[in-house]
């Protein structure tokens, strides 16, 4: 599948956000971002900065939630 010159793939956006495509898709589904035509996400360069801000906040909250759910390490 070809994409127009002005759009970015999920992989390209994930690289710009410092993550992998799978995690980016999890984020997009968690934040109710709509999927484009052909069941694919489409982005432009101007989408990256707002996504990065939202993704950074989401990732921090996700990490904090994971840490709070981890059982305390038992000391011997």
C-alpha atoms as a PDB file:
ATOM      1  CA  UNK A   1       0.000   0.000   0.000  1.00  0.00           C
ATOM      2  CA  UNK A   2       1.346   3.412  -0.879  1.00  0.00           C
ATOM      3  CA  UNK A   3       0.798   6.514   1.182  1.00  0.00           C
ATOM      4  CA  UNK A   4       0.660  10.109  -0.008  1.00  0.00           C
ATOM      5  CA  UNK A   5       3.934  12.013   0.341  1.00  0.00           C
ATOM      6  CA  UNK A   6       2.624  14.208   3.152  1.00  0.00           C
ATOM      7  CA  UNK A   7       1.541  11.370   5.469  1.00  0.00           C
ATOM      8  CA  UNK A   8       3.569   9.420   7.999  1.00  0.00           C
ATOM      9  CA  UNK A   9       3.236   5.747   8.856  1.00  0.00           C
ATOM     10  CA  UNK A  10       2.650   4.430  12.355  1.00  0.00           C
ATOM     11  CA  UNK A  11       6.246   3.192  12.356  1.00  0.00           C
ATOM     12  CA  UNK A  12       7.606   6.640  11.439  1.00  0.00           C
ATOM     13  CA  UNK A  13       5.526   8.382  14.105  1.00  0.00           C
ATOM     14  CA  UNK A  14       6.505   5.781  16.711  1.00  0.00           C
ATOM     15  CA  UNK A  15      10.179   6.444  15.976  1.00  0.00           C
ATOM     16  CA  UNK A  16       9.625  10.190  16.405  1.00  0.00           C
ATOM     17  CA  UNK A  17       7.899   9.522  19.762  1.00  0.00           C
ATOM     18  CA  UNK A  18      10.663   7.201  20.950  1.00  0.00           C
ATOM     19  CA  UNK A  19       8.508   4.090  21.089  1.00  0.00           C
ATOM     20  CA  UNK A  20       7.541   1.134  18.938  1.00  0.00           C
ATOM     21  CA  UNK A  21       4.526   0.880  16.593  1.00  0.00           C
ATOM     22  CA  UNK A  22       2.709  -1.616  18.836  1.00  0.00           C
ATOM     23  CA  UNK A  23       2.849   0.673  21.876  1.00  0.00           C
ATOM     24  CA  UNK A  24       1.771   3.617  19.733  1.00  0.00           C
ATOM     25  CA  UNK A  25      -1.290   1.670  18.553  1.00  0.00           C
ATOM     26  CA  UNK A  26      -2.132   0.738  22.169  1.00  0.00           C
ATOM     27  CA  UNK A  27      -1.947   4.447  23.036  1.00  0.00           C
ATOM     28  CA  UNK A  28      -4.112   5.427  20.070  1.00  0.00           C
ATOM     29  CA  UNK A  29      -6.785   2.878  21.003  1.00  0.00           C
ATOM     30  CA  UNK A  30      -6.649   3.918  24.680  1.00  0.00           C
ATOM     31  CA  UNK A  31      -7.174   7.562  23.771  1.00  0.00           C
ATOM     32  CA  UNK A  32      -9.961   6.874  21.268  1.00  0.00           C
ATOM     33  CA  UNK A  33      -8.027   8.038  18.220  1.00  0.00           C
ATOM     34  CA  UNK A  34      -9.932   7.028  15.117  1.00  0.00           C
ATOM     35  CA  UNK A  35      -8.479   4.692  12.544  1.00  0.00           C
ATOM     36  CA  UNK A  36      -8.275   6.058   9.017  1.00  0.00           C
ATOM     37  CA  UNK A  37      -9.470   4.471   5.815  1.00  0.00           C
ATOM     38  CA  UNK A  38      -8.388   0.909   5.211  1.00  0.00           C
ATOM     39  CA  UNK A  39      -8.109   0.307   8.964  1.00  0.00           C
ATOM     40  CA  UNK A  40      -4.826   2.230   9.073  1.00  0.00           C
ATOM     41  CA  UNK A  41      -3.809   5.236  11.087  1.00  0.00           C
ATOM     42  CA  UNK A  42      -2.639   8.216   9.074  1.00  0.00           C
ATOM     43  CA  UNK A  43      -0.582  11.116  10.360  1.00  0.00           C
ATOM     44  CA  UNK A  44       0.955  14.295   9.040  1.00  0.00           C
ATOM     45  CA  UNK A  45       4.053  16.048  10.341  1.00  0.00           C
ATOM     46  CA  UNK A  46       1.894  18.565  12.228  1.00  0.00           C
ATOM     47  CA  UNK A  47       0.290  15.695  14.196  1.00  0.00           C
ATOM     48  CA  UNK A  48       3.586  14.652  15.785  1.00  0.00           C
ATOM     49  CA  UNK A  49       4.054  17.436  18.380  1.00  0.00           C
ATOM     50  CA  UNK A  50       0.547  17.151  19.925  1.00  0.00           C
ATOM     51  CA  UNK A  51       0.779  13.351  19.860  1.00  0.00           C
ATOM     52  CA  UNK A  52       4.159  13.471  21.584  1.00  0.00           C
ATOM     53  CA  UNK A  53       2.781  15.578  24.429  1.00  0.00           C
ATOM     54  CA  UNK A  54      -0.232  13.295  24.896  1.00  0.00           C
ATOM     55  CA  UNK A  55       1.856  10.131  24.504  1.00  0.00           C
ATOM     56  CA  UNK A  56       4.433  11.270  27.077  1.00  0.00           C
ATOM     57  CA  UNK A  57       1.699  11.977  29.632  1.00  0.00           C
ATOM     58  CA  UNK A  58      -0.081   8.678  28.870  1.00  0.00           C
ATOM     59  CA  UNK A  59       3.156   6.671  29.129  1.00  0.00           C
ATOM     60  CA  UNK A  60       4.037   8.253  32.492  1.00  0.00           C
ATOM     61  CA  UNK A  61       0.563   7.509  33.863  1.00  0.00           C
ATOM     62  CA  UNK A  62       0.735   3.954  32.517  1.00  0.00           C
ATOM     63  CA  UNK A  63       4.148   3.365  34.129  1.00  0.00           C
ATOM     64  CA  UNK A  64       2.930   4.794  37.449  1.00  0.00           C
ATOM     65  CA  UNK A  65      -0.131   2.540  37.368  1.00  0.00           C
ATOM     66  CA  UNK A  66       2.032  -0.511  36.661  1.00  0.00           C
ATOM     67  CA  UNK A  67       4.367   0.352  39.538  1.00  0.00           C
ATOM     68  CA  UNK A  68       1.493   0.839  41.968  1.00  0.00           C
ATOM     69  CA  UNK A  69       0.104  -2.579  41.027  1.00  0.00           C
ATOM     70  CA  UNK A  70       3.402  -4.389  41.580  1.00  0.00           C
ATOM     71  CA  UNK A  71       3.613  -6.221  44.904  1.00  0.00           C
ATOM     72  CA  UNK A  72       6.194  -4.884  47.320  1.00  0.00           C
ATOM     73  CA  UNK A  73       9.461  -6.784  47.219  1.00  0.00           C
ATOM     74  CA  UNK A  74       9.679  -9.099  50.208  1.00  0.00           C
ATOM     75  CA  UNK A  75      12.865  -8.829  52.218  1.00  0.00           C
ATOM     76  CA  UNK A  76      14.485 -12.023  53.430  1.00  0.00           C
END
